[in-house]
Amino acid sequence: MPKSEPAIKRLDHLGLIAAFCYEAGLPRIIDAIMPKYSGHTVSHGEAFLAMILNGLGFHSRTLHMFSGFFQHKPIDA
């Protein structure tokens, strides 16, 4: 039986903040207060969490202008 290599994911502080917010249910609470009425793929809670992460880690650029922001972040919801 071949050995599998361990997978290492880099969290940094933004990954820890995102994980804490999801564990605390912050996106779910925001979505309960402000339900989504249009056909957008991002909920209000996810957009709010993205704004928090943007403010903590990217002071000179916005998230939509940095295509690789979530590429190495383990933020599967």
N, C-alpha and C. Protein backbone atom coordinates (compact mmCIF):
# COMPACT_ATOMS: atom_id res chain seq x y z
N MET A 1 0.85 -1.18 0.00
CA MET A 1 0.00 0.00 0.00
C MET A 1 0.90 1.24 0.00
N PRO A 2 0.74 2.14 -1.01
CA PRO A 2 1.59 3.33 -1.07
C PRO A 2 1.20 4.34 0.00
N LYS A 3 2.22 5.03 0.50
CA LYS A 3 1.96 6.07 1.50
C LYS A 3 1.48 7.33 0.81
N SER A 4 0.52 7.98 1.41
CA SER A 4 0.05 9.26 0.86
C SER A 4 0.79 10.40 1.54
N GLU A 5 1.06 11.42 0.77
CA GLU A 5 1.74 12.60 1.29
C GLU A 5 0.75 13.46 2.06
N PRO A 6 1.16 14.01 3.20
CA PRO A 6 0.25 14.90 3.93
C PRO A 6 0.03 16.20 3.17
N ALA A 7 -1.17 16.72 3.26
CA ALA A 7 -1.50 17.99 2.62
C ALA A 7 -1.39 19.10 3.65
N ILE A 8 -0.64 20.10 3.34
CA ILE A 8 -0.45 21.23 4.25
C ILE A 8 -1.11 22.45 3.64
N LYS A 9 -1.97 23.09 4.41
CA LYS A 9 -2.64 24.30 3.94
C LYS A 9 -2.17 25.48 4.79
N ARG A 10 -1.86 26.56 4.13
CA ARG A 10 -1.39 27.77 4.80
C ARG A 10 -2.58 28.62 5.21
N LEU A 11 -2.76 28.81 6.51
CA LEU A 11 -3.90 29.57 7.00
C LEU A 11 -3.63 31.06 7.13
N ASP A 12 -2.46 31.41 7.61
CA ASP A 12 -2.18 32.80 7.95
C ASP A 12 -3.23 33.31 8.93
N HIS A 13 -3.23 34.58 9.20
CA HIS A 13 -4.22 35.12 10.13
C HIS A 13 -5.59 35.26 9.46
N LEU A 14 -5.64 35.46 8.15
CA LEU A 14 -6.93 35.62 7.48
C LEU A 14 -7.71 34.31 7.46
N GLY A 15 -7.01 33.20 7.30
CA GLY A 15 -7.68 31.90 7.35
C GLY A 15 -8.24 31.61 8.73
N LEU A 16 -7.51 32.00 9.76
CA LEU A 16 -8.01 31.81 11.12
C LEU A 16 -9.23 32.68 11.39
N ILE A 17 -9.21 33.91 10.90
CA ILE A 17 -10.37 34.80 11.07
C ILE A 17 -11.57 34.24 10.33
N ALA A 18 -11.36 33.77 9.09
CA ALA A 18 -12.46 33.20 8.30
C ALA A 18 -13.03 31.97 8.98
N ALA A 19 -12.16 31.09 9.48
CA ALA A 19 -12.63 29.88 10.16
C ALA A 19 -13.40 30.24 11.42
N PHE A 20 -12.93 31.22 12.18
CA PHE A 20 -13.63 31.63 13.39
C PHE A 20 -15.02 32.19 13.05
N CYS A 21 -15.09 33.02 12.01
CA CYS A 21 -16.38 33.61 11.63
C CYS A 21 -17.37 32.54 11.20
N TYR A 22 -16.89 31.53 10.46
CA TYR A 22 -17.79 30.44 10.05
C TYR A 22 -18.20 29.59 11.24
N GLU A 23 -17.27 29.32 12.16
CA GLU A 23 -17.61 28.54 13.36
C GLU A 23 -18.61 29.29 14.24
N ALA A 24 -18.47 30.60 14.32
CA ALA A 24 -19.39 31.41 15.12
C ALA A 24 -20.73 31.61 14.41
N GLY A 25 -20.80 31.28 13.12
CA GLY A 25 -22.04 31.41 12.38
C GLY A 25 -22.34 32.82 11.91
N LEU A 26 -21.32 33.65 11.79
CA LEU A 26 -21.53 35.05 11.42
C LEU A 26 -22.22 35.21 10.06
N PRO A 27 -21.77 34.52 9.00
CA PRO A 27 -22.48 34.66 7.71
C PRO A 27 -23.94 34.21 7.79
N ARG A 28 -24.20 33.16 8.54
CA ARG A 28 -25.58 32.66 8.69
C ARG A 28 -26.45 33.67 9.43
N ILE A 29 -25.91 34.30 10.46
CA ILE A 29 -26.66 35.30 11.23
C ILE A 29 -26.98 36.51 10.35
N ILE A 30 -26.00 36.96 9.57
CA ILE A 30 -26.23 38.11 8.69
C ILE A 30 -27.25 37.76 7.62
N ASP A 31 -27.18 36.54 7.07
CA ASP A 31 -28.15 36.12 6.06
C ASP A 31 -29.56 36.01 6.65
N ALA A 32 -29.67 35.68 7.93
CA ALA A 32 -30.98 35.62 8.57
C ALA A 32 -31.57 37.01 8.74
N ILE A 33 -30.72 38.00 8.99
CA ILE A 33 -31.19 39.37 9.16
C ILE A 33 -31.52 40.01 7.82
N MET A 34 -30.66 39.78 6.83
CA MET A 34 -30.85 40.36 5.49
C MET A 34 -30.92 39.24 4.45
N PRO A 35 -32.08 38.66 4.23
CA PRO A 35 -32.18 37.57 3.25
C PRO A 35 -31.90 38.05 1.84
N LYS A 36 -31.45 37.13 1.00
CA LYS A 36 -31.09 37.44 -0.38
C LYS A 36 -32.35 37.39 -1.24
N TYR A 37 -32.62 38.45 -1.99
CA TYR A 37 -33.81 38.52 -2.83
C TYR A 37 -33.49 38.41 -4.32
N SER A 38 -32.25 38.61 -4.70
CA SER A 38 -31.89 38.55 -6.12
C SER A 38 -31.14 37.26 -6.42
N GLY A 39 -30.75 37.10 -7.66
CA GLY A 39 -30.09 35.88 -8.08
C GLY A 39 -28.58 35.91 -7.97
N HIS A 40 -28.03 36.72 -7.10
CA HIS A 40 -26.57 36.77 -6.94
C HIS A 40 -26.07 35.47 -6.32
N THR A 41 -24.85 35.09 -6.66
CA THR A 41 -24.30 33.84 -6.14
C THR A 41 -23.65 34.01 -4.78
N VAL A 42 -23.37 35.23 -4.37
CA VAL A 42 -22.74 35.49 -3.07
C VAL A 42 -23.80 36.03 -2.13
N SER A 43 -23.88 35.44 -0.94
CA SER A 43 -24.86 35.91 0.03
C SER A 43 -24.33 37.15 0.75
N HIS A 44 -25.23 37.81 1.49
CA HIS A 44 -24.82 39.00 2.25
C HIS A 44 -23.77 38.63 3.30
N GLY A 45 -23.93 37.48 3.94
CA GLY A 45 -22.98 37.05 4.96
C GLY A 45 -21.60 36.81 4.39
N GLU A 46 -21.54 36.16 3.23
CA GLU A 46 -20.25 35.92 2.59
C GLU A 46 -19.60 37.22 2.13
N ALA A 47 -20.40 38.15 1.63
CA ALA A 47 -19.87 39.45 1.21
C ALA A 47 -19.33 40.22 2.41
N PHE A 48 -20.04 40.15 3.53
CA PHE A 48 -19.59 40.83 4.75
C PHE A 48 -18.27 40.24 5.24
N LEU A 49 -18.17 38.91 5.22
CA LEU A 49 -16.94 38.26 5.63
C LEU A 49 -15.78 38.63 4.70
N ALA A 50 -16.05 38.73 3.41
CA ALA A 50 -15.02 39.14 2.46
C ALA A 50 -14.57 40.57 2.74
N MET A 51 -15.50 41.45 3.14
CA MET A 51 -15.12 42.82 3.48
C MET A 51 -14.25 42.86 4.73
N ILE A 52 -14.55 42.01 5.70
CA ILE A 52 -13.72 41.94 6.91
C ILE A 52 -12.31 41.49 6.54
N LEU A 53 -12.21 40.40 5.76
CA LEU A 53 -10.90 39.89 5.35
C LEU A 53 -10.15 40.90 4.49
N ASN A 54 -10.88 41.62 3.67
CA ASN A 54 -10.26 42.65 2.83
C ASN A 54 -9.66 43.74 3.70
N GLY A 55 -10.38 44.17 4.70
CA GLY A 55 -9.88 45.22 5.58
C GLY A 55 -8.69 44.79 6.42
N LEU A 56 -8.63 43.50 6.76
CA LEU A 56 -7.54 43.02 7.60
C LEU A 56 -6.27 42.70 6.82
N GLY A 57 -6.40 42.40 5.53
CA GLY A 57 -5.22 41.94 4.84
C GLY A 57 -4.82 42.68 3.59
N PHE A 58 -5.73 43.38 2.97
CA PHE A 58 -5.43 44.05 1.72
C PHE A 58 -5.83 45.52 1.85
N HIS A 59 -4.90 46.34 2.26
CA HIS A 59 -5.21 47.74 2.49
C HIS A 59 -5.17 48.58 1.22
N SER A 60 -4.39 48.16 0.24
CA SER A 60 -4.24 48.97 -0.96
C SER A 60 -5.00 48.42 -2.16
N ARG A 61 -5.55 47.20 -2.06
CA ARG A 61 -6.27 46.60 -3.18
C ARG A 61 -7.60 46.04 -2.69
N THR A 62 -8.56 45.97 -3.56
CA THR A 62 -9.83 45.34 -3.22
C THR A 62 -9.80 43.89 -3.67
N LEU A 63 -10.65 43.06 -3.06
CA LEU A 63 -10.63 41.62 -3.34
C LEU A 63 -10.94 41.30 -4.79
N HIS A 64 -11.88 42.02 -5.40
CA HIS A 64 -12.25 41.66 -6.77
C HIS A 64 -11.14 41.98 -7.77
N MET A 65 -10.14 42.75 -7.36
CA MET A 65 -9.03 43.07 -8.25
C MET A 65 -7.84 42.14 -8.04
N PHE A 66 -7.92 41.27 -7.05
CA PHE A 66 -6.84 40.34 -6.76
C PHE A 66 -7.37 38.93 -6.96
N SER A 67 -7.14 38.36 -8.14
CA SER A 67 -7.76 37.09 -8.52
C SER A 67 -7.29 35.92 -7.67
N GLY A 68 -6.12 35.98 -7.09
CA GLY A 68 -5.61 34.84 -6.34
C GLY A 68 -5.85 34.91 -4.85
N PHE A 69 -6.75 35.77 -4.37
CA PHE A 69 -6.94 35.93 -2.93
C PHE A 69 -7.35 34.64 -2.25
N PHE A 70 -8.38 33.98 -2.77
CA PHE A 70 -8.89 32.77 -2.14
C PHE A 70 -8.22 31.50 -2.68
N GLN A 71 -7.25 31.63 -3.57
CA GLN A 71 -6.66 30.47 -4.21
C GLN A 71 -5.99 29.52 -3.22
N HIS A 72 -5.29 30.02 -2.23
CA HIS A 72 -4.58 29.18 -1.28
C HIS A 72 -5.20 29.21 0.11
N LYS A 73 -6.42 29.68 0.22
CA LYS A 73 -7.09 29.75 1.51
C LYS A 73 -8.09 28.60 1.64
N PRO A 74 -8.04 27.83 2.71
CA PRO A 74 -8.98 26.72 2.89
C PRO A 74 -10.28 27.23 3.52
N ILE A 75 -11.15 27.82 2.73
CA ILE A 75 -12.36 28.42 3.26
C ILE A 75 -13.61 27.74 2.71
N ASP A 76 -13.56 26.44 2.52
CA ASP A 76 -14.73 25.71 2.02
C ASP A 76 -15.86 25.82 3.02
N ALA A 77 -17.00 26.29 2.55
CA ALA A 77 -18.15 26.48 3.44
C ALA A 77 -19.05 25.28 3.40
